[in-house]
């Protein structure tokens, strides 16, 4: 008797979910996916938007684009066929992620941002002249930590 109630409750829940999804997007029915591969990467690029060379204590502007890795698709049944839909860059603008910023391994700060990620950080005051590496590490990876590096020239 208990099993029948559990099965009936499960069927009721599935029916409500199915109806709700149909109401949200007619013709697209969520379909349970079990994928062990098929993830997609949205590679990262990092640009300096401050004139190089920069000075100690200066605030620099960077732009990180992308940096989403190991993204699995959503699965839907459309007209009886299973289709896989990967998010677009626009879809990845809304979910916020944390991006950590480093200068030669020294933490400079972090920002919350989406696919397009403007970054402003202040360089430390007591830095000597030379070439340094800015590293950004977005937390939008699933399996393997990824980072993006950019060399900058600092002149005192």
N, C-alpha and C. Protein backbone atom coordinates (compact mmCIF):
# COMPACT_ATOMS: atom_id res chain seq x y z
N UNK A 1 0.82 -1.19 0.00
CA UNK A 1 0.00 0.00 0.00
C UNK A 1 0.87 1.26 0.00
N UNK A 2 1.96 1.25 0.83
CA UNK A 2 2.85 2.40 0.88
C UNK A 2 3.48 2.66 -0.48
N UNK A 3 3.89 1.60 -1.17
CA UNK A 3 4.54 1.76 -2.47
C UNK A 3 3.59 2.37 -3.49
N UNK A 4 2.32 2.00 -3.44
CA UNK A 4 1.35 2.58 -4.37
C UNK A 4 1.20 4.07 -4.14
N UNK A 5 1.18 4.48 -2.87
CA UNK A 5 1.07 5.91 -2.56
C UNK A 5 2.30 6.66 -3.04
N UNK A 6 3.47 6.07 -2.86
CA UNK A 6 4.70 6.71 -3.31
C UNK A 6 4.73 6.82 -4.83
N UNK A 7 4.31 5.76 -5.51
CA UNK A 7 4.26 5.80 -6.98
C UNK A 7 3.25 6.83 -7.46
N UNK A 8 2.10 6.86 -6.82
CA UNK A 8 1.07 7.83 -7.20
C UNK A 8 1.57 9.26 -6.97
N UNK A 9 2.23 9.49 -5.85
CA UNK A 9 2.76 10.82 -5.55
C UNK A 9 3.84 11.20 -6.57
N UNK A 10 4.71 10.27 -6.90
CA UNK A 10 5.74 10.52 -7.89
C UNK A 10 5.14 10.85 -9.25
N UNK A 11 4.14 10.10 -9.66
CA UNK A 11 3.47 10.38 -10.94
C UNK A 11 2.79 11.74 -10.92
N UNK A 12 2.19 12.09 -9.79
CA UNK A 12 1.54 13.39 -9.67
C UNK A 12 2.57 14.51 -9.80
N UNK A 13 3.70 14.37 -9.12
CA UNK A 13 4.74 15.38 -9.19
C UNK A 13 5.27 15.51 -10.62
N UNK A 14 5.54 14.39 -11.26
CA UNK A 14 6.02 14.42 -12.65
C UNK A 14 5.00 15.07 -13.58
N UNK A 15 3.73 14.77 -13.36
CA UNK A 15 2.67 15.37 -14.18
C UNK A 15 2.61 16.88 -14.01
N UNK A 16 2.74 17.35 -12.77
CA UNK A 16 2.72 18.79 -12.52
C UNK A 16 3.93 19.45 -13.16
N UNK A 17 5.10 18.85 -13.01
CA UNK A 17 6.30 19.40 -13.63
C UNK A 17 6.17 19.44 -15.15
N UNK A 18 5.66 18.38 -15.72
CA UNK A 18 5.47 18.33 -17.17
C UNK A 18 4.53 19.45 -17.62
N UNK A 19 3.41 19.61 -16.93
CA UNK A 19 2.43 20.64 -17.29
C UNK A 19 3.03 22.04 -17.13
N UNK A 20 3.79 22.25 -16.06
CA UNK A 20 4.40 23.56 -15.84
C UNK A 20 5.40 23.89 -16.94
N UNK A 21 6.18 22.93 -17.32
CA UNK A 21 7.17 23.15 -18.38
C UNK A 21 6.50 23.39 -19.73
N UNK A 22 5.43 22.70 -19.98
CA UNK A 22 4.70 22.90 -21.24
C UNK A 22 4.13 24.31 -21.29
N UNK A 23 3.67 24.80 -20.14
CA UNK A 23 3.10 26.14 -20.09
C UNK A 23 4.17 27.19 -20.31
N UNK A 24 5.39 26.93 -19.85
CA UNK A 24 6.47 27.90 -20.00
C UNK A 24 7.00 27.95 -21.42
N UNK A 25 7.22 26.81 -22.03
CA UNK A 25 7.76 26.75 -23.38
C UNK A 25 7.05 25.68 -24.17
N UNK A 26 5.96 26.03 -24.84
CA UNK A 26 5.24 25.03 -25.62
C UNK A 26 6.15 24.39 -26.66
N UNK A 27 6.02 23.09 -26.80
CA UNK A 27 6.81 22.36 -27.79
C UNK A 27 8.15 21.87 -27.27
N UNK A 28 8.57 22.38 -26.12
CA UNK A 28 9.84 21.95 -25.50
C UNK A 28 9.54 21.26 -24.19
N UNK A 29 9.81 20.00 -24.12
CA UNK A 29 9.60 19.24 -22.90
C UNK A 29 10.95 18.88 -22.32
N UNK A 30 11.20 19.25 -21.03
CA UNK A 30 12.47 18.85 -20.43
C UNK A 30 12.63 17.35 -20.51
N UNK A 31 13.83 16.93 -20.77
CA UNK A 31 14.11 15.52 -20.94
C UNK A 31 15.31 15.19 -20.07
N UNK A 32 15.20 14.16 -19.23
CA UNK A 32 16.34 13.86 -18.37
C UNK A 32 17.54 13.39 -19.18
N UNK A 33 18.66 14.10 -19.03
CA UNK A 33 19.90 13.75 -19.73
C UNK A 33 20.86 13.11 -18.75
N UNK A 34 21.52 12.12 -19.19
CA UNK A 34 22.65 11.59 -18.43
C UNK A 34 23.81 11.58 -19.41
N UNK A 35 24.63 12.63 -19.33
CA UNK A 35 25.77 12.76 -20.23
C UNK A 35 27.05 12.56 -19.44
N UNK A 36 27.94 11.79 -19.96
CA UNK A 36 29.25 11.63 -19.33
C UNK A 36 30.30 12.39 -20.11
N UNK A 37 29.92 12.89 -21.26
CA UNK A 37 30.80 13.73 -22.06
C UNK A 37 29.90 14.63 -22.89
N UNK A 38 30.48 15.55 -23.61
CA UNK A 38 29.67 16.47 -24.40
C UNK A 38 29.68 17.86 -23.83
N UNK A 39 30.50 18.09 -22.79
CA UNK A 39 30.56 19.42 -22.23
C UNK A 39 31.23 20.37 -23.22
N UNK A 40 30.92 21.63 -23.09
CA UNK A 40 31.43 22.64 -24.01
C UNK A 40 32.20 23.69 -23.21
N UNK A 41 33.28 24.19 -23.79
CA UNK A 41 34.04 25.25 -23.17
C UNK A 41 33.75 26.57 -23.87
N UNK A 42 33.73 27.63 -23.09
CA UNK A 42 33.62 28.99 -23.60
C UNK A 42 34.92 29.66 -23.18
N UNK A 43 35.93 29.53 -24.05
CA UNK A 43 37.29 29.98 -23.72
C UNK A 43 37.34 31.41 -23.25
N UNK A 44 38.42 31.75 -22.57
CA UNK A 44 38.56 33.07 -21.98
C UNK A 44 39.58 33.92 -22.74
N UNK A 45 39.31 35.22 -22.75
CA UNK A 45 40.30 36.17 -23.24
C UNK A 45 40.37 37.30 -22.21
N UNK A 46 41.56 37.84 -22.04
CA UNK A 46 41.79 38.91 -21.06
C UNK A 46 42.51 40.04 -21.77
N UNK A 47 41.95 41.25 -21.64
CA UNK A 47 42.52 42.43 -22.29
C UNK A 47 42.80 43.50 -21.26
N UNK A 48 43.88 44.24 -21.46
CA UNK A 48 44.19 45.40 -20.63
C UNK A 48 43.56 46.62 -21.30
N UNK A 49 42.73 47.35 -20.56
CA UNK A 49 42.08 48.54 -21.10
C UNK A 49 42.65 49.80 -20.46
N UNK A 50 43.87 49.70 -20.00
CA UNK A 50 44.62 50.84 -19.47
C UNK A 50 45.90 50.91 -20.28
N UNK A 51 46.35 52.12 -20.56
CA UNK A 51 47.56 52.26 -21.38
C UNK A 51 48.76 51.65 -20.67
N UNK A 52 49.50 50.82 -21.41
CA UNK A 52 50.69 50.15 -20.91
C UNK A 52 51.89 51.03 -21.26
N UNK A 53 52.87 51.29 -20.42
CA UNK A 53 53.08 50.73 -19.09
C UNK A 53 52.21 51.44 -18.04
N UNK A 54 52.06 50.75 -16.92
CA UNK A 54 51.27 51.28 -15.81
C UNK A 54 52.21 51.60 -14.65
N UNK A 55 51.69 52.30 -13.65
CA UNK A 55 52.51 52.72 -12.52
C UNK A 55 52.02 52.09 -11.23
N UNK A 56 52.91 51.93 -10.25
CA UNK A 56 52.49 51.43 -8.94
C UNK A 56 51.40 52.33 -8.37
N UNK A 57 50.41 51.72 -7.73
CA UNK A 57 49.31 52.48 -7.14
C UNK A 57 48.21 52.85 -8.13
N UNK A 58 48.43 52.62 -9.40
CA UNK A 58 47.44 52.97 -10.43
C UNK A 58 46.32 51.93 -10.45
N UNK A 59 45.10 52.40 -10.75
CA UNK A 59 43.98 51.49 -10.96
C UNK A 59 43.99 51.09 -12.43
N UNK A 60 44.00 49.79 -12.68
CA UNK A 60 44.00 49.31 -14.06
C UNK A 60 42.64 48.70 -14.37
N UNK A 61 42.28 48.79 -15.64
CA UNK A 61 41.03 48.23 -16.13
C UNK A 61 41.34 47.05 -17.03
N UNK A 62 40.68 45.94 -16.74
CA UNK A 62 40.81 44.71 -17.52
C UNK A 62 39.44 44.30 -18.02
N UNK A 63 39.41 43.50 -19.06
CA UNK A 63 38.15 42.93 -19.54
C UNK A 63 38.38 41.44 -19.78
N UNK A 64 37.63 40.64 -19.03
CA UNK A 64 37.63 39.18 -19.21
C UNK A 64 36.37 38.82 -19.98
N UNK A 65 36.53 38.08 -21.05
CA UNK A 65 35.38 37.56 -21.81
C UNK A 65 35.43 36.05 -21.73
N UNK A 66 34.28 35.42 -21.46
CA UNK A 66 34.20 33.97 -21.43
C UNK A 66 34.75 33.42 -20.13
N UNK A 67 35.41 32.27 -20.28
CA UNK A 67 35.98 31.62 -19.11
C UNK A 67 35.03 30.65 -18.43
N UNK A 68 34.10 30.11 -19.19
CA UNK A 68 33.21 29.07 -18.67
C UNK A 68 33.66 27.75 -19.27
N UNK A 69 33.88 26.76 -18.41
CA UNK A 69 34.41 25.49 -18.87
C UNK A 69 33.56 24.34 -18.36
N UNK A 70 33.55 23.24 -19.10
CA UNK A 70 32.85 22.02 -18.70
C UNK A 70 31.34 22.25 -18.58
N UNK A 71 30.76 23.01 -19.49
CA UNK A 71 29.32 23.33 -19.45
C UNK A 71 28.55 22.24 -20.19
N UNK A 72 27.62 21.62 -19.51
CA UNK A 72 26.77 20.60 -20.12
C UNK A 72 25.51 21.24 -20.69
N UNK A 73 24.93 20.64 -21.71
CA UNK A 73 23.72 21.21 -22.31
C UNK A 73 22.48 20.86 -21.49
N UNK A 74 21.41 21.61 -21.75
CA UNK A 74 20.09 21.23 -21.28
C UNK A 74 19.49 20.33 -22.36
N UNK A 75 18.71 19.36 -21.94
CA UNK A 75 18.09 18.45 -22.90
C UNK A 75 16.59 18.69 -22.94
N UNK A 76 16.03 18.70 -24.12
CA UNK A 76 14.59 18.87 -24.30
C UNK A 76 14.12 17.90 -25.37
N UNK A 77 12.88 17.50 -25.24
CA UNK A 77 12.24 16.72 -26.30
C UNK A 77 11.45 17.72 -27.12
N UNK A 78 11.81 17.85 -28.38
CA UNK A 78 11.16 18.78 -29.30
C UNK A 78 10.62 17.97 -30.46
N UNK A 79 9.31 18.02 -30.63
CA UNK A 79 8.65 17.28 -31.71
C UNK A 79 9.07 15.80 -31.70
N UNK A 80 9.16 15.24 -30.50
CA UNK A 80 9.48 13.83 -30.36
C UNK A 80 10.96 13.48 -30.40
N UNK A 81 11.80 14.43 -30.72
CA UNK A 81 13.24 14.19 -30.81
C UNK A 81 13.95 14.84 -29.62
N UNK A 82 15.01 14.20 -29.13
CA UNK A 82 15.81 14.77 -28.06
C UNK A 82 16.82 15.73 -28.66
N UNK A 83 16.83 16.98 -28.17
CA UNK A 83 17.77 17.98 -28.65
C UNK A 83 18.54 18.53 -27.47
N UNK A 84 19.78 18.90 -27.73
CA UNK A 84 20.66 19.44 -26.71
C UNK A 84 20.86 20.93 -26.98
N UNK A 85 20.71 21.73 -25.95
CA UNK A 85 20.84 23.18 -26.09
C UNK A 85 21.92 23.69 -25.14
N UNK A 86 22.98 24.20 -25.73
CA UNK A 86 24.04 24.81 -24.94
C UNK A 86 23.70 26.28 -24.72
N UNK A 87 24.08 26.84 -23.58
CA UNK A 87 23.80 28.26 -23.36
C UNK A 87 24.61 29.13 -24.33
N UNK A 88 24.05 30.27 -24.66
CA UNK A 88 24.76 31.25 -25.48
C UNK A 88 25.55 32.17 -24.56
N UNK A 89 26.39 33.01 -25.14
CA UNK A 89 27.11 34.00 -24.34
C UNK A 89 26.13 34.89 -23.59
N UNK A 90 25.01 35.24 -24.24
CA UNK A 90 24.00 36.07 -23.57
C UNK A 90 23.39 35.33 -22.37
N UNK A 91 23.17 34.02 -22.51
CA UNK A 91 22.64 33.23 -21.39
C UNK A 91 23.60 33.24 -20.21
N UNK A 92 24.89 33.33 -20.48
CA UNK A 92 25.90 33.27 -19.42
C UNK A 92 26.18 34.64 -18.80
N UNK A 93 25.51 35.69 -19.27
CA UNK A 93 25.68 37.02 -18.67
C UNK A 93 25.00 37.08 -17.31
N UNK A 94 23.86 36.43 -17.18
CA UNK A 94 23.07 36.56 -15.96
C UNK A 94 23.65 35.80 -14.77
N UNK A 95 24.06 34.55 -14.92
CA UNK A 95 24.58 33.88 -13.73
C UNK A 95 25.90 34.53 -13.30
N UNK A 96 25.94 34.96 -12.06
CA UNK A 96 27.14 35.60 -11.55
C UNK A 96 28.13 34.55 -11.06
N UNK A 97 29.38 34.85 -11.23
CA UNK A 97 30.45 33.98 -10.75
C UNK A 97 31.50 34.88 -10.12
N UNK A 98 32.39 34.30 -9.37
CA UNK A 98 33.46 35.05 -8.73
C UNK A 98 34.74 34.86 -9.55
N UNK A 99 35.41 35.97 -9.82
CA UNK A 99 36.68 35.94 -10.54
C UNK A 99 37.74 36.54 -9.63
N UNK A 100 38.77 35.76 -9.34
CA UNK A 100 39.88 36.22 -8.49
C UNK A 100 40.98 36.79 -9.38
N UNK A 101 41.63 37.88 -8.92
CA UNK A 101 42.67 38.55 -9.69
C UNK A 101 43.97 38.53 -8.88
N UNK A 102 45.08 38.20 -9.56
CA UNK A 102 46.39 38.11 -8.92
C UNK A 102 47.43 38.86 -9.74
N UNK A 103 48.46 39.37 -9.06
CA UNK A 103 49.62 39.97 -9.70
C UNK A 103 50.83 39.16 -9.26
N UNK A 104 51.41 38.40 -10.19
CA UNK A 104 52.52 37.49 -9.86
C UNK A 104 52.23 36.66 -8.62
N UNK A 105 51.01 36.13 -8.54
CA UNK A 105 50.62 35.26 -7.44
C UNK A 105 50.10 35.98 -6.21
N UNK A 106 50.23 37.30 -6.14
CA UNK A 106 49.74 38.08 -5.01
C UNK A 106 48.28 38.49 -5.26
N UNK A 107 47.36 38.16 -4.34
CA UNK A 107 45.96 38.51 -4.56
C UNK A 107 45.75 40.02 -4.64
N UNK A 108 45.01 40.45 -5.66
CA UNK A 108 44.64 41.86 -5.81
C UNK A 108 43.17 42.09 -5.49
N UNK A 109 42.37 41.03 -5.50
CA UNK A 109 40.95 41.19 -5.22
C UNK A 109 40.13 40.19 -6.02
N UNK A 110 38.83 40.40 -6.00
CA UNK A 110 37.91 39.55 -6.77
C UNK A 110 36.70 40.39 -7.15
N UNK A 111 36.00 39.94 -8.18
CA UNK A 111 34.79 40.60 -8.65
C UNK A 111 33.72 39.55 -8.92
N UNK A 112 32.47 39.98 -8.90
CA UNK A 112 31.34 39.15 -9.31
C UNK A 112 30.93 39.64 -10.69
N UNK A 113 30.80 38.72 -11.65
CA UNK A 113 30.45 39.13 -13.00
C UNK A 113 29.94 37.95 -13.80
N UNK A 114 29.46 38.24 -15.00
CA UNK A 114 28.98 37.21 -15.92
C UNK A 114 29.99 36.97 -17.03
N UNK A 115 29.49 36.62 -18.21
CA UNK A 115 30.33 36.29 -19.36
C UNK A 115 31.26 37.46 -19.71
N UNK A 116 30.69 38.67 -19.77
CA UNK A 116 31.47 39.89 -19.98
C UNK A 116 31.82 40.42 -18.61
N UNK A 117 33.11 40.49 -18.30
CA UNK A 117 33.54 40.76 -16.93
C UNK A 117 34.52 41.93 -16.89
N UNK A 118 34.01 43.15 -16.68
CA UNK A 118 34.92 44.28 -16.51
C UNK A 118 35.55 44.23 -15.11
N UNK A 119 36.84 44.45 -15.05
CA UNK A 119 37.58 44.36 -13.79
C UNK A 119 38.38 45.63 -13.59
N UNK A 120 38.30 46.20 -12.39
CA UNK A 120 39.15 47.32 -12.00
C UNK A 120 39.88 46.93 -10.73
N UNK A 121 41.20 46.99 -10.75
CA UNK A 121 42.00 46.69 -9.55
C UNK A 121 43.10 47.73 -9.43
N UNK A 122 43.45 48.01 -8.18
CA UNK A 122 44.54 48.94 -7.90
C UNK A 122 45.83 48.15 -7.67
N UNK A 123 46.89 48.57 -8.35
CA UNK A 123 48.19 47.93 -8.17
C UNK A 123 48.79 48.40 -6.84
N UNK A 124 49.54 47.53 -6.19
CA UNK A 124 50.19 47.93 -4.93
C UNK A 124 51.18 49.07 -5.16
N UNK A 125 51.42 49.88 -4.12
CA UNK A 125 52.31 51.04 -4.23
C UNK A 125 53.78 50.68 -4.41
N UNK A 126 54.33 49.80 -3.62
CA UNK A 126 55.77 49.61 -3.56
C UNK A 126 56.38 48.66 -4.58
N UNK A 127 55.81 48.56 -5.75
CA UNK A 127 56.30 47.61 -6.76
C UNK A 127 57.47 48.24 -7.53
N UNK A 128 58.47 47.43 -7.81
CA UNK A 128 59.59 47.86 -8.65
C UNK A 128 59.18 47.79 -10.12
N UNK A 129 59.94 48.42 -10.97
CA UNK A 129 59.69 48.35 -12.42
C UNK A 129 59.93 46.94 -12.92
N UNK A 130 59.19 46.56 -13.95
CA UNK A 130 59.41 45.26 -14.56
C UNK A 130 58.15 44.73 -15.22
N UNK A 131 58.27 43.52 -15.74
CA UNK A 131 57.14 42.84 -16.36
C UNK A 131 56.51 41.92 -15.31
N UNK A 132 55.20 42.02 -15.18
CA UNK A 132 54.46 41.24 -14.20
C UNK A 132 53.33 40.51 -14.91
N UNK A 133 52.86 39.45 -14.29
CA UNK A 133 51.75 38.67 -14.86
C UNK A 133 50.50 38.88 -14.03
N UNK A 134 49.46 39.37 -14.72
CA UNK A 134 48.12 39.42 -14.13
C UNK A 134 47.48 38.08 -14.41
N UNK A 135 46.94 37.44 -13.40
CA UNK A 135 46.25 36.16 -13.55
C UNK A 135 44.83 36.32 -13.04
N UNK A 136 43.87 35.88 -13.84
CA UNK A 136 42.48 35.84 -13.37
C UNK A 136 42.03 34.38 -13.36
N UNK A 137 41.31 34.04 -12.31
CA UNK A 137 40.82 32.67 -12.16
C UNK A 137 39.32 32.73 -11.93
N UNK A 138 38.53 32.44 -12.95
CA UNK A 138 37.08 32.40 -12.76
C UNK A 138 36.68 31.09 -12.08
N UNK A 139 35.67 31.16 -11.23
CA UNK A 139 35.21 29.92 -10.57
C UNK A 139 34.15 29.20 -11.39
N UNK A 140 34.03 29.54 -12.68
CA UNK A 140 33.02 28.95 -13.55
C UNK A 140 33.56 27.75 -14.31
N UNK A 141 34.23 26.86 -13.62
CA UNK A 141 34.73 25.62 -14.20
C UNK A 141 34.20 24.49 -13.34
N UNK A 142 34.05 23.35 -13.93
CA UNK A 142 33.45 22.22 -13.22
C UNK A 142 34.50 21.23 -12.73
N UNK A 143 35.47 20.90 -13.56
CA UNK A 143 36.40 19.83 -13.23
C UNK A 143 37.82 20.33 -12.97
N UNK A 144 38.36 21.08 -13.89
CA UNK A 144 39.76 21.47 -13.82
C UNK A 144 39.85 23.00 -13.70
N UNK A 145 40.56 23.47 -12.68
CA UNK A 145 40.71 24.92 -12.51
C UNK A 145 41.42 25.49 -13.72
N UNK A 146 40.92 26.60 -14.20
CA UNK A 146 41.50 27.26 -15.37
C UNK A 146 41.87 28.69 -14.98
N UNK A 147 42.85 29.24 -15.66
CA UNK A 147 43.24 30.61 -15.42
C UNK A 147 43.63 31.26 -16.73
N UNK A 148 43.64 32.60 -16.73
CA UNK A 148 44.04 33.36 -17.90
C UNK A 148 45.12 34.33 -17.43
N UNK A 149 46.21 34.42 -18.18
CA UNK A 149 47.34 35.27 -17.82
C UNK A 149 47.51 36.38 -18.84
N UNK A 150 47.99 37.52 -18.34
CA UNK A 150 48.29 38.67 -19.19
C UNK A 150 49.50 39.37 -18.60
N UNK A 151 50.54 39.57 -19.42
CA UNK A 151 51.74 40.27 -18.95
C UNK A 151 51.53 41.77 -19.09
N UNK A 152 51.94 42.52 -18.05
CA UNK A 152 51.88 43.98 -18.09
C UNK A 152 53.24 44.53 -17.69
N UNK A 153 53.53 45.72 -18.17
CA UNK A 153 54.77 46.41 -17.83
C UNK A 153 54.46 47.47 -16.78
N UNK A 154 55.21 47.45 -15.69
CA UNK A 154 55.05 48.46 -14.64
C UNK A 154 56.33 49.28 -14.60
N UNK A 155 56.16 50.60 -14.71
CA UNK A 155 57.30 51.53 -14.64
C UNK A 155 57.11 52.46 -13.46
N UNK A 156 58.19 52.64 -12.70
CA UNK A 156 58.10 53.57 -11.56
C UNK A 156 58.54 54.95 -11.95
